Amino acid sequence: MKGGRGEANVVMKCKFCSRENSIDIIKDSVKPYTIDDSNTFKTIAAFECRGCEPTDFSFRNGFTAKGAETSTTFNDINLEENEWVDYDETAKESVGVYEATHKFIKL
């Protein structure tokens, strides 16, 4: 961050007041979303926000999934359209993520 005040995952400067705001992922807060969590909301990351508050999230690429029964790994999953489908050759069945959604909870 400017002036050597630490680091953050996202740093933004306000166009109006020139204040520097930041969002940082809290260490050890990132958790996997498993098949047992299907169709439920689960906290998968916590953020420390200074001067700003996230209101929306856009799924992108770079996600990884593992077959529930086979442990087949699927890398670089793209969720830009809020869904992903593939085929698990080992299990001989279709796999996917459907209707990916999110919500922020302020503590």
PDB file of N, CA and C in Angstrom:
ATOM      1  N   MET A   1       0.837  -1.169   0.000  1.00  0.00           N
ATOM      2  CA  MET A   1       0.000   0.000   0.000  1.00  0.00           C
ATOM      3  C   MET A   1       0.889   1.242   0.000  1.00  0.00           C
ATOM      4  N   LYS A   2       0.348   2.305  -0.502  1.00  0.00           N
ATOM      5  CA  LYS A   2       1.094   3.557  -0.605  1.00  0.00           C
ATOM      6  C   LYS A   2       1.586   4.019   0.770  1.00  0.00           C
ATOM      7  N   GLY A   3       2.811   4.459   0.818  1.00  0.00           N
ATOM      8  CA  GLY A   3       3.365   4.943   2.074  1.00  0.00           C
ATOM      9  C   GLY A   3       3.861   3.835   2.986  1.00  0.00           C
ATOM     10  N   GLY A   4       3.918   2.589   2.489  1.00  0.00           N
ATOM     11  CA  GLY A   4       4.436   1.479   3.270  1.00  0.00           C
ATOM     12  C   GLY A   4       3.575   1.068   4.442  1.00  0.00           C
ATOM     13  N   ARG A   5       2.256   1.215   4.328  1.00  0.00           N
ATOM     14  CA  ARG A   5       1.356   0.890   5.445  1.00  0.00           C
ATOM     15  C   ARG A   5       0.882  -0.554   5.409  1.00  0.00           C
ATOM     16  N   GLY A   6       1.552  -1.441   4.716  1.00  0.00           N
ATOM     17  CA  GLY A   6       1.157  -2.839   4.668  1.00  0.00           C
ATOM     18  C   GLY A   6       0.739  -3.245   3.274  1.00  0.00           C
ATOM     19  N   GLU A   7       0.103  -4.412   3.182  1.00  0.00           N
ATOM     20  CA  GLU A   7      -0.365  -4.906   1.892  1.00  0.00           C
ATOM     21  C   GLU A   7      -1.818  -5.341   2.000  1.00  0.00           C
ATOM     22  N   ALA A   8      -2.464  -5.428   0.847  1.00  0.00           N
ATOM     23  CA  ALA A   8      -3.856  -5.856   0.784  1.00  0.00           C
ATOM     24  C   ALA A   8      -4.088  -6.526  -0.557  1.00  0.00           C
ATOM     25  N   ASN A   9      -5.151  -7.321  -0.644  1.00  0.00           N
ATOM     26  CA  ASN A   9      -5.489  -7.980  -1.901  1.00  0.00           C
ATOM     27  C   ASN A   9      -6.064  -7.012  -2.925  1.00  0.00           C
ATOM     28  N   VAL A  10      -6.806  -6.013  -2.454  1.00  0.00           N
ATOM     29  CA  VAL A  10      -7.377  -4.990  -3.331  1.00  0.00           C
ATOM     30  C   VAL A  10      -7.151  -3.627  -2.679  1.00  0.00           C
ATOM     31  N   VAL A  11      -6.633  -2.692  -3.449  1.00  0.00           N
ATOM     32  CA  VAL A  11      -6.461  -1.321  -2.971  1.00  0.00           C
ATOM     33  C   VAL A  11      -7.115  -0.400  -3.993  1.00  0.00           C
ATOM     34  N   MET A  12      -7.984   0.498  -3.507  1.00  0.00           N
ATOM     35  CA  MET A  12      -8.696   1.420  -4.386  1.00  0.00           C
ATOM     36  C   MET A  12      -8.544   2.837  -3.849  1.00  0.00           C
ATOM     37  N   LYS A  13      -8.486   3.784  -4.758  1.00  0.00           N
ATOM     38  CA  LYS A  13      -8.404   5.187  -4.363  1.00  0.00           C
ATOM     39  C   LYS A  13      -9.717   5.863  -4.733  1.00  0.00           C
ATOM     40  N   CYS A  14     -10.322   6.552  -3.788  1.00  0.00           N
ATOM     41  CA  CYS A  14     -11.576   7.249  -4.012  1.00  0.00           C
ATOM     42  C   CYS A  14     -11.363   8.419  -4.972  1.00  0.00           C
ATOM     43  N   LYS A  15     -12.209   8.499  -5.991  1.00  0.00           N
ATOM     44  CA  LYS A  15     -12.106   9.588  -6.980  1.00  0.00           C
ATOM     45  C   LYS A  15     -12.424  10.954  -6.371  1.00  0.00           C
ATOM     46  N   PHE A  16     -13.236  10.970  -5.329  1.00  0.00           N
ATOM     47  CA  PHE A  16     -13.690  12.231  -4.758  1.00  0.00           C
ATOM     48  C   PHE A  16     -12.755  12.774  -3.678  1.00  0.00           C
ATOM     49  N   CYS A  17     -12.329  11.915  -2.754  1.00  0.00           N
ATOM     50  CA  CYS A  17     -11.523  12.396  -1.630  1.00  0.00           C
ATOM     51  C   CYS A  17     -10.068  11.930  -1.673  1.00  0.00           C
ATOM     52  N   SER A  18      -9.722  11.075  -2.632  1.00  0.00           N
ATOM     53  CA  SER A  18      -8.368  10.532  -2.809  1.00  0.00           C
ATOM     54  C   SER A  18      -7.922   9.616  -1.670  1.00  0.00           C
ATOM     55  N   ARG A  19      -8.842   9.197  -0.828  1.00  0.00           N
ATOM     56  CA  ARG A  19      -8.498   8.279   0.252  1.00  0.00           C
ATOM     57  C   ARG A  19      -8.236   6.888  -0.321  1.00  0.00           C
ATOM     58  N   GLU A  20      -7.252   6.197   0.234  1.00  0.00           N
ATOM     59  CA  GLU A  20      -6.929   4.843  -0.185  1.00  0.00           C
ATOM     60  C   GLU A  20      -7.721   3.864   0.674  1.00  0.00           C
ATOM     61  N   ASN A  21      -8.490   2.972   0.039  1.00  0.00           N
ATOM     62  CA  ASN A  21      -9.316   1.983   0.717  1.00  0.00           C
ATOM     63  C   ASN A  21      -8.805   0.599   0.340  1.00  0.00           C
ATOM     64  N   SER A  22      -9.037  -0.388   1.213  1.00  0.00           N
ATOM     65  CA  SER A  22      -8.492  -1.709   0.918  1.00  0.00           C
ATOM     66  C   SER A  22      -9.404  -2.837   1.375  1.00  0.00           C
ATOM     67  N   ILE A  23      -9.215  -3.981   0.720  1.00  0.00           N
ATOM     68  CA  ILE A  23      -9.873  -5.232   1.096  1.00  0.00           C
ATOM     69  C   ILE A  23      -8.779  -6.289   1.140  1.00  0.00           C
ATOM     70  N   ASP A  24      -8.725  -7.041   2.236  1.00  0.00           N
ATOM     71  CA  ASP A  24      -7.718  -8.076   2.387  1.00  0.00           C
ATOM     72  C   ASP A  24      -8.407  -9.364   2.822  1.00  0.00           C
ATOM     73  N   ILE A  25      -8.026 -10.476   2.212  1.00  0.00           N
ATOM     74  CA  ILE A  25      -8.556 -11.777   2.626  1.00  0.00           C
ATOM     75  C   ILE A  25      -7.869 -12.150   3.939  1.00  0.00           C
ATOM     76  N   ILE A  26      -8.642 -12.477   4.960  1.00  0.00           N
ATOM     77  CA  ILE A  26      -8.084 -12.831   6.260  1.00  0.00           C
ATOM     78  C   ILE A  26      -7.399 -14.194   6.156  1.00  0.00           C
ATOM     79  N   LYS A  27      -6.151 -14.222   6.612  1.00  0.00           N
ATOM     80  CA  LYS A  27      -5.344 -15.434   6.547  1.00  0.00           C
ATOM     81  C   LYS A  27      -6.075 -16.607   7.200  1.00  0.00           C
ATOM     82  N   ASP A  28      -6.007 -17.755   6.572  1.00  0.00           N
ATOM     83  CA  ASP A  28      -6.604 -19.011   7.051  1.00  0.00           C
ATOM     84  C   ASP A  28      -8.139 -18.990   7.066  1.00  0.00           C
ATOM     85  N   SER A  29      -8.774 -18.003   6.419  1.00  0.00           N
ATOM     86  CA  SER A  29     -10.240 -17.965   6.400  1.00  0.00           C
ATOM     87  C   SER A  29     -10.823 -18.671   5.169  1.00  0.00           C
ATOM     88  N   VAL A  30     -10.017 -18.962   4.176  1.00  0.00           N
ATOM     89  CA  VAL A  30     -10.511 -19.584   2.939  1.00  0.00           C
ATOM     90  C   VAL A  30     -10.794 -21.065   3.199  1.00  0.00           C
ATOM     91  N   LYS A  31     -12.032 -21.477   2.933  1.00  0.00           N
ATOM     92  CA  LYS A  31     -12.486 -22.851   3.170  1.00  0.00           C
ATOM     93  C   LYS A  31     -13.063 -23.438   1.885  1.00  0.00           C
ATOM     94  N   PRO A  32     -12.940 -24.746   1.693  1.00  0.00           N
ATOM     95  CA  PRO A  32     -13.519 -25.365   0.491  1.00  0.00           C
ATOM     96  C   PRO A  32     -15.037 -25.481   0.598  1.00  0.00           C
ATOM     97  N   TYR A  33     -15.676 -25.511  -0.553  1.00  0.00           N
ATOM     98  CA  TYR A  33     -17.113 -25.767  -0.639  1.00  0.00           C
ATOM     99  C   TYR A  33     -17.241 -27.197  -1.148  1.00  0.00           C
ATOM    100  N   THR A  34     -17.781 -28.098  -0.348  1.00  0.00           N
ATOM    101  CA  THR A  34     -17.815 -29.519  -0.691  1.00  0.00           C
ATOM    102  C   THR A  34     -19.214 -29.963  -1.091  1.00  0.00           C
ATOM    103  N   ILE A  35     -19.311 -31.206  -1.529  1.00  0.00           N
ATOM    104  CA  ILE A  35     -20.610 -31.755  -1.934  1.00  0.00           C
ATOM    105  C   ILE A  35     -21.585 -31.753  -0.747  1.00  0.00           C
ATOM    106  N   ASP A  36     -21.071 -31.864   0.468  1.00  0.00           N
ATOM    107  CA  ASP A  36     -21.932 -31.827   1.660  1.00  0.00           C
ATOM    108  C   ASP A  36     -22.558 -30.449   1.865  1.00  0.00           C
ATOM    109  N   ASP A  37     -21.977 -29.428   1.248  1.00  0.00           N
ATOM    110  CA  ASP A  37     -22.481 -28.055   1.367  1.00  0.00           C
ATOM    111  C   ASP A  37     -23.471 -27.698   0.260  1.00  0.00           C
ATOM    112  N   SER A  38     -23.734 -28.623  -0.658  1.00  0.00           N
ATOM    113  CA  SER A  38     -24.587 -28.344  -1.815  1.00  0.00           C
ATOM    114  C   SER A  38     -25.912 -27.711  -1.415  1.00  0.00           C
ATOM    115  N   ASN A  39     -26.320 -26.733  -2.202  1.00  0.00           N
ATOM    116  CA  ASN A  39     -27.603 -26.034  -2.031  1.00  0.00           C
ATOM    117  C   ASN A  39     -27.705 -25.252  -0.723  1.00  0.00           C
ATOM    118  N   THR A  40     -26.568 -24.921  -0.110  1.00  0.00           N
ATOM    119  CA  THR A  40     -26.565 -24.091   1.088  1.00  0.00           C
ATOM    120  C   THR A  40     -25.519 -22.998   0.921  1.00  0.00           C
ATOM    121  N   PHE A  41     -25.697 -21.915   1.657  1.00  0.00           N
ATOM    122  CA  PHE A  41     -24.663 -20.889   1.698  1.00  0.00           C
ATOM    123  C   PHE A  41     -23.667 -21.290   2.778  1.00  0.00           C
ATOM    124  N   LYS A  42     -22.400 -21.094   2.487  1.00  0.00           N
ATOM    125  CA  LYS A  42     -21.334 -21.410   3.428  1.00  0.00           C
ATOM    126  C   LYS A  42     -20.285 -20.308   3.334  1.00  0.00           C
ATOM    127  N   THR A  43     -19.734 -19.908   4.454  1.00  0.00           N
ATOM    128  CA  THR A  43     -18.654 -18.929   4.436  1.00  0.00           C
ATOM    129  C   THR A  43     -17.416 -19.605   3.865  1.00  0.00           C
ATOM    130  N   ILE A  44     -16.923 -19.080   2.741  1.00  0.00           N
ATOM    131  CA  ILE A  44     -15.724 -19.655   2.128  1.00  0.00           C
ATOM    132  C   ILE A  44     -14.527 -18.718   2.230  1.00  0.00           C
ATOM    133  N   ALA A  45     -14.760 -17.485   2.649  1.00  0.00           N
ATOM    134  CA  ALA A  45     -13.666 -16.529   2.855  1.00  0.00           C
ATOM    135  C   ALA A  45     -14.174 -15.376   3.704  1.00  0.00           C
ATOM    136  N   ALA A  46     -13.262 -14.790   4.477  1.00  0.00           N
ATOM    137  CA  ALA A  46     -13.578 -13.605   5.278  1.00  0.00           C
ATOM    138  C   ALA A  46     -12.623 -12.493   4.861  1.00  0.00           C
ATOM    139  N   PHE A  47     -13.127 -11.273   4.870  1.00  0.00           N
ATOM    140  CA  PHE A  47     -12.355 -10.129   4.405  1.00  0.00           C
ATOM    141  C   PHE A  47     -12.245  -9.070   5.489  1.00  0.00           C
ATOM    142  N   GLU A  48     -11.113  -8.394   5.519  1.00  0.00           N
ATOM    143  CA  GLU A  48     -10.966  -7.197   6.329  1.00  0.00           C
ATOM    144  C   GLU A  48     -11.098  -6.025   5.375  1.00  0.00           C
ATOM    145  N   CYS A  49     -12.096  -5.199   5.580  1.00  0.00           N
ATOM    146  CA  CYS A  49     -12.378  -4.076   4.681  1.00  0.00           C
ATOM    147  C   CYS A  49     -12.106  -2.769   5.415  1.00  0.00           C
ATOM    148  N   ARG A  50     -11.321  -1.922   4.791  1.00  0.00           N
ATOM    149  CA  ARG A  50     -10.999  -0.619   5.378  1.00  0.00           C
ATOM    150  C   ARG A  50     -11.407   0.477   4.412  1.00  0.00           C
ATOM    151  N   GLY A  51     -12.454   1.198   4.782  1.00  0.00           N
ATOM    152  CA  GLY A  51     -12.914   2.317   3.973  1.00  0.00           C
ATOM    153  C   GLY A  51     -13.845   1.947   2.843  1.00  0.00           C
ATOM    154  N   CYS A  52     -14.169   0.661   2.691  1.00  0.00           N
ATOM    155  CA  CYS A  52     -15.071   0.245   1.611  1.00  0.00           C
ATOM    156  C   CYS A  52     -15.840  -0.999   2.043  1.00  0.00           C
ATOM    157  N   GLU A  53     -16.872  -1.302   1.297  1.00  0.00           N
ATOM    158  CA  GLU A  53     -17.706  -2.457   1.597  1.00  0.00           C
ATOM    159  C   GLU A  53     -18.087  -3.133   0.283  1.00  0.00           C
ATOM    160  N   PRO A  54     -17.702  -4.408   0.090  1.00  0.00           N
ATOM    161  CA  PRO A  54     -18.065  -5.087  -1.159  1.00  0.00           C
ATOM    162  C   PRO A  54     -19.579  -5.279  -1.250  1.00  0.00           C
ATOM    163  N   THR A  55     -20.127  -5.084  -2.441  1.00  0.00           N
ATOM    164  CA  THR A  55     -21.569  -5.239  -2.643  1.00  0.00           C
ATOM    165  C   THR A  55     -21.899  -6.276  -3.701  1.00  0.00           C
ATOM    166  N   ASP A  56     -20.929  -6.637  -4.523  1.00  0.00           N
ATOM    167  CA  ASP A  56     -21.191  -7.612  -5.578  1.00  0.00           C
ATOM    168  C   ASP A  56     -19.930  -8.422  -5.845  1.00  0.00           C
ATOM    169  N   PHE A  57     -20.107  -9.600  -6.398  1.00  0.00           N
ATOM    170  CA  PHE A  57     -19.001 -10.486  -6.727  1.00  0.00           C
ATOM    171  C   PHE A  57     -19.263 -11.068  -8.101  1.00  0.00           C
ATOM    172  N   SER A  58     -18.234 -11.166  -8.892  1.00  0.00           N
ATOM    173  CA  SER A  58     -18.347 -11.743 -10.229  1.00  0.00           C
ATOM    174  C   SER A  58     -17.473 -12.984 -10.288  1.00  0.00           C
ATOM    175  N   PHE A  59     -18.114 -14.136 -10.400  1.00  0.00           N
ATOM    176  CA  PHE A  59     -17.358 -15.376 -10.536  1.00  0.00           C
ATOM    177  C   PHE A  59     -16.535 -15.303 -11.813  1.00  0.00           C
ATOM    178  N   ARG A  60     -15.324 -15.770 -11.768  1.00  0.00           N
ATOM    179  CA  ARG A  60     -14.441 -15.765 -12.945  1.00  0.00           C
ATOM    180  C   ARG A  60     -13.873 -17.157 -13.150  1.00  0.00           C
ATOM    181  N   ASN A  61     -12.633 -17.228 -13.587  1.00  0.00           N
ATOM    182  CA  ASN A  61     -12.012 -18.524 -13.815  1.00  0.00           C
ATOM    183  C   ASN A  61     -10.930 -18.787 -12.779  1.00  0.00           C
ATOM    184  N   GLY A  62     -10.393 -19.999 -12.816  1.00  0.00           N
ATOM    185  CA  GLY A  62      -9.338 -20.373 -11.891  1.00  0.00           C
ATOM    186  C   GLY A  62      -9.801 -21.254 -10.744  1.00  0.00           C
ATOM    187  N   PHE A  63     -11.067 -21.642 -10.726  1.00  0.00           N
ATOM    188  CA  PHE A  63     -11.574 -22.515  -9.681  1.00  0.00           C
ATOM    189  C   PHE A  63     -11.120 -23.951  -9.944  1.00  0.00           C
ATOM    190  N   THR A  64     -11.071 -24.756  -8.891  1.00  0.00           N
ATOM    191  CA  THR A  64     -10.705 -26.162  -8.989  1.00  0.00           C
ATOM    192  C   THR A  64     -11.791 -26.978  -8.299  1.00  0.00           C
ATOM    193  N   ALA A  65     -12.099 -28.147  -8.872  1.00  0.00           N
ATOM    194  CA  ALA A  65     -13.073 -29.056  -8.267  1.00  0.00           C
ATOM    195  C   ALA A  65     -12.501 -30.464  -8.275  1.00  0.00           C
ATOM    196  N   LYS A  66     -13.020 -31.276  -7.354  1.00  0.00           N
ATOM    197  CA  LYS A  66     -12.588 -32.657  -7.266  1.00  0.00           C
ATOM    198  C   LYS A  66     -13.824 -33.537  -7.285  1.00  0.00           C
ATOM    199  N   GLY A  67     -13.777 -34.629  -8.042  1.00  0.00           N
ATOM    200  CA  GLY A  67     -14.901 -35.565  -8.101  1.00  0.00           C
ATOM    201  C   GLY A  67     -15.223 -36.096  -6.714  1.00  0.00           C
ATOM    202  N   ALA A  68     -16.500 -36.139  -6.366  1.00  0.00           N
ATOM    203  CA  ALA A  68     -16.912 -36.564  -5.027  1.00  0.00           C
ATOM    204  C   ALA A  68     -16.605 -38.031  -4.772  1.00  0.00           C
ATOM    205  N   GLU A  69     -16.744 -38.840  -5.788  1.00  0.00           N
ATOM    206  CA  GLU A  69     -16.549 -40.275  -5.614  1.00  0.00           C
ATOM    207  C   GLU A  69     -15.185 -40.739  -6.112  1.00  0.00           C
ATOM    208  N   THR A  70     -14.595 -40.003  -7.048  1.00  0.00           N
ATOM    209  CA  THR A  70     -13.379 -40.471  -7.704  1.00  0.00           C
ATOM    210  C   THR A  70     -12.142 -39.645  -7.403  1.00  0.00           C
ATOM    211  N   SER A  71     -12.308 -38.477  -6.850  1.00  0.00           N
ATOM    212  CA  SER A  71     -11.203 -37.540  -6.618  1.00  0.00           C
ATOM    213  C   SER A  71     -10.543 -37.079  -7.908  1.00  0.00           C
ATOM    214  N   THR A  72     -11.244 -37.212  -9.048  1.00  0.00           N
ATOM    215  CA  THR A  72     -10.756 -36.649 -10.307  1.00  0.00           C
ATOM    216  C   THR A  72     -10.670 -35.141 -10.132  1.00  0.00           C
ATOM    217  N   THR A  73      -9.551 -34.535 -10.519  1.00  0.00           N
ATOM    218  CA  THR A  73      -9.366 -33.101 -10.365  1.00  0.00           C
ATOM    219  C   THR A  73      -9.707 -32.378 -11.659  1.00  0.00           C
ATOM    220  N   PHE A  74     -10.497 -31.323 -11.541  1.00  0.00           N
ATOM    221  CA  PHE A  74     -10.861 -30.461 -12.666  1.00  0.00           C
ATOM    222  C   PHE A  74     -10.267 -29.086 -12.364  1.00  0.00           C
ATOM    223  N   ASN A  75      -9.323 -28.653 -13.189  1.00  0.00           N
ATOM    224  CA  ASN A  75      -8.607 -27.402 -12.952  1.00  0.00           C
ATOM    225  C   ASN A  75      -9.109 -26.277 -13.851  1.00  0.00           C
ATOM    226  N   ASP A  76      -8.800 -25.052 -13.451  1.00  0.00           N
ATOM    227  CA  ASP A  76      -9.090 -23.840 -14.219  1.00  0.00           C
ATOM    228  C   ASP A  76     -10.551 -23.763 -14.667  1.00  0.00           C
ATOM    229  N   ILE A  77     -11.453 -23.991 -13.721  1.00  0.00           N
ATOM    230  CA  ILE A  77     -12.888 -23.941 -14.005  1.00  0.00           C
ATOM    231  C   ILE A  77     -13.312 -22.488 -14.182  1.00  0.00           C
ATOM    232  N   ASN A  78     -14.078 -22.235 -15.225  1.00  0.00           N
ATOM    233  CA  ASN A  78     -14.560 -20.893 -15.533  1.00  0.00           C
ATOM    234  C   ASN A  78     -16.026 -20.790 -15.110  1.00  0.00           C
ATOM    235  N   LEU A  79     -16.303 -19.902 -14.148  1.00  0.00           N
ATOM    236  CA  LEU A  79     -17.680 -19.718 -13.662  1.00  0.00           C
ATOM    237  C   LEU A  79     -18.251 -18.357 -14.054  1.00  0.00           C
ATOM    238  N   GLU A  80     -17.724 -17.770 -15.131  1.00  0.00           N
ATOM    239  CA  GLU A  80     -18.206 -16.453 -15.552  1.00  0.00           C
ATOM    240  C   GLU A  80     -19.695 -16.455 -15.868  1.00  0.00           C
ATOM    241  N   GLU A  81     -20.236 -17.593 -16.286  1.00  0.00           N
ATOM    242  CA  GLU A  81     -21.673 -17.685 -16.589  1.00  0.00           C
ATOM    243  C   GLU A  81     -22.435 -18.352 -15.448  1.00  0.00           C
ATOM    244  N   ASN A  82     -21.808 -18.414 -14.260  1.00  0.00           N
ATOM    245  CA  ASN A  82     -22.396 -18.978 -13.044  1.00  0.00           C
ATOM    246  C   ASN A  82     -22.711 -20.456 -13.135  1.00  0.00           C
ATOM    247  N   GLU A  83     -22.108 -21.136 -14.094  1.00  0.00           N
ATOM    248  CA  GLU A  83     -22.232 -22.586 -14.146  1.00  0.00           C
ATOM    249  C   GLU A  83     -21.066 -23.181 -14.925  1.00  0.00           C
ATOM    250  N   TRP A  84     -20.844 -24.463 -14.690  1.00  0.00           N
ATOM    251  CA  TRP A  84     -19.772 -25.200 -15.364  1.00  0.00           C
ATOM    252  C   TRP A  84     -20.188 -26.658 -15.422  1.00  0.00           C
ATOM    253  N   VAL A  85     -19.933 -27.309 -16.548  1.00  0.00           N
ATOM    254  CA  VAL A  85     -20.216 -28.741 -16.693  1.00  0.00           C
ATOM    255  C   VAL A  85     -19.019 -29.431 -17.343  1.00  0.00           C
ATOM    256  N   ASP A  86     -18.837 -30.676 -16.976  1.00  0.00           N
ATOM    257  CA  ASP A  86     -17.762 -31.499 -17.542  1.00  0.00           C
ATOM    258  C   ASP A  86     -18.178 -32.956 -17.381  1.00  0.00           C
ATOM    259  N   TYR A  87     -17.274 -33.842 -17.738  1.00  0.00           N
ATOM    260  CA  TYR A  87     -17.563 -35.270 -17.635  1.00  0.00           C
ATOM    261  C   TYR A  87     -16.428 -35.933 -16.872  1.00  0.00           C
ATOM    262  N   ASP A  88     -16.756 -36.698 -15.848  1.00  0.00           N
ATOM    263  CA  ASP A  88     -15.774 -37.448 -15.069  1.00  0.00           C
ATOM    264  C   ASP A  88     -15.641 -38.826 -15.698  1.00  0.00           C
ATOM    265  N   GLU A  89     -14.532 -39.019 -16.397  1.00  0.00           N
ATOM    266  CA  GLU A  89     -14.292 -40.289 -17.103  1.00  0.00           C
ATOM    267  C   GLU A  89     -14.242 -41.473 -16.139  1.00  0.00           C
ATOM    268  N   THR A  90     -13.670 -41.282 -14.976  1.00  0.00           N
ATOM    269  CA  THR A  90     -13.532 -42.373 -14.017  1.00  0.00           C
ATOM    270  C   THR A  90     -14.896 -42.804 -13.479  1.00  0.00           C
ATOM    271  N   ALA A  91     -15.730 -41.850 -13.131  1.00  0.00           N
ATOM    272  CA  ALA A  91     -17.064 -42.149 -12.595  1.00  0.00           C
ATOM    273  C   ALA A  91     -18.072 -42.422 -13.694  1.00  0.00           C
ATOM    274  N   LYS A  92     -17.712 -42.068 -14.916  1.00  0.00           N
ATOM    275  CA  LYS A  92     -18.616 -42.231 -16.077  1.00  0.00           C
ATOM    276  C   LYS A  92     -19.926 -41.472 -15.876  1.00  0.00           C
ATOM    277  N   GLU A  93     -19.792 -40.219 -15.382  1.00  0.00           N
ATOM    278  CA  GLU A  93     -20.984 -39.396 -15.222  1.00  0.00           C
ATOM    279  C   GLU A  93     -20.648 -37.909 -15.348  1.00  0.00           C
ATOM    280  N   SER A  94     -21.683 -37.142 -15.614  1.00  0.00           N
ATOM    281  CA  SER A  94     -21.563 -35.706 -15.770  1.00  0.00           C
ATOM    282  C   SER A  94     -21.363 -35.054 -14.405  1.00  0.00           C
ATOM    283  N   VAL A  95     -20.541 -34.021 -14.368  1.00  0.00           N
ATOM    284  CA  VAL A  95     -20.323 -33.255 -13.140  1.00  0.00           C
ATOM    285  C   VAL A  95     -20.514 -31.781 -13.454  1.00  0.00           C
ATOM    286  N   GLY A  96     -20.831 -30.983 -12.448  1.00  0.00           N
ATOM    287  CA  GLY A  96     -20.996 -29.563 -12.737  1.00  0.00           C
ATOM    288  C   GLY A  96     -21.289 -28.712 -11.529  1.00  0.00           C
ATOM    289  N   VAL A  97     -21.239 -27.421 -11.788  1.00  0.00           N
ATOM    290  CA  VAL A  97     -21.647 -26.391 -10.836  1.00  0.00           C
ATOM    291  C   VAL A  97     -22.772 -25.640 -11.527  1.00  0.00           C
ATOM    292  N   TYR A  98     -23.909 -25.510 -10.866  1.00  0.00           N
ATOM    293  CA  TYR A  98     -25.081 -24.883 -11.479  1.00  0.00           C
ATOM    294  C   TYR A  98     -25.575 -23.742 -10.586  1.00  0.00           C
ATOM    295  N   GLU A  99     -25.948 -22.629 -11.210  1.00  0.00           N
ATOM    296  CA  GLU A  99     -26.516 -21.481 -10.517  1.00  0.00           C
ATOM    297  C   GLU A  99     -25.646 -21.011  -9.343  1.00  0.00           C
ATOM    298  N   ALA A 100     -24.363 -20.797  -9.610  1.00  0.00           N
ATOM    299  CA  ALA A 100     -23.458 -20.284  -8.573  1.00  0.00           C
ATOM    300  C   ALA A 100     -23.935 -18.907  -8.128  1.00  0.00           C
ATOM    301  N   THR A 101     -24.117 -18.731  -6.834  1.00  0.00           N
ATOM    302  CA  THR A 101     -24.565 -17.461  -6.279  1.00  0.00           C
ATOM    303  C   THR A 101     -23.679 -17.113  -5.077  1.00  0.00           C
ATOM    304  N   HIS A 102     -23.823 -15.897  -4.602  1.00  0.00           N
ATOM    305  CA  HIS A 102     -23.038 -15.446  -3.457  1.00  0.00           C
ATOM    306  C   HIS A 102     -23.846 -14.454  -2.634  1.00  0.00           C
ATOM    307  N   LYS A 103     -23.360 -14.194  -1.443  1.00  0.00           N
ATOM    308  CA  LYS A 103     -23.886 -13.092  -0.641  1.00  0.00           C
ATOM    309  C   LYS A 103     -22.803 -12.704   0.361  1.00  0.00           C
ATOM    310  N   PHE A 104     -22.779 -11.426   0.696  1.00  0.00           N
ATOM    311  CA  PHE A 104     -21.853 -10.914   1.687  1.00  0.00           C
ATOM    312  C   PHE A 104     -22.600 -10.754   3.002  1.00  0.00           C
ATOM    313  N   ILE A 105     -21.968 -11.136   4.080  1.00  0.00           N
ATOM    314  CA  ILE A 105     -22.551 -10.990   5.411  1.00  0.00           C
ATOM    315  C   ILE A 105     -21.614 -10.086   6.202  1.00  0.00           C
ATOM    316  N   LYS A 106     -22.149  -8.985   6.685  1.00  0.00           N
ATOM    317  CA  LYS A 106     -21.351  -8.033   7.453  1.00  0.00           C
ATOM    318  C   LYS A 106     -21.414  -8.431   8.932  1.00  0.00           C
ATOM    319  N   LEU A 107     -20.254  -8.567   9.534  1.00  0.00           N
ATOM    320  CA  LEU A 107     -20.209  -8.944  10.959  1.00  0.00           C
ATOM    321  C   LEU A 107     -19.907  -7.738  11.813  1.00  0.00           C
TER     322      LEU A 107
END
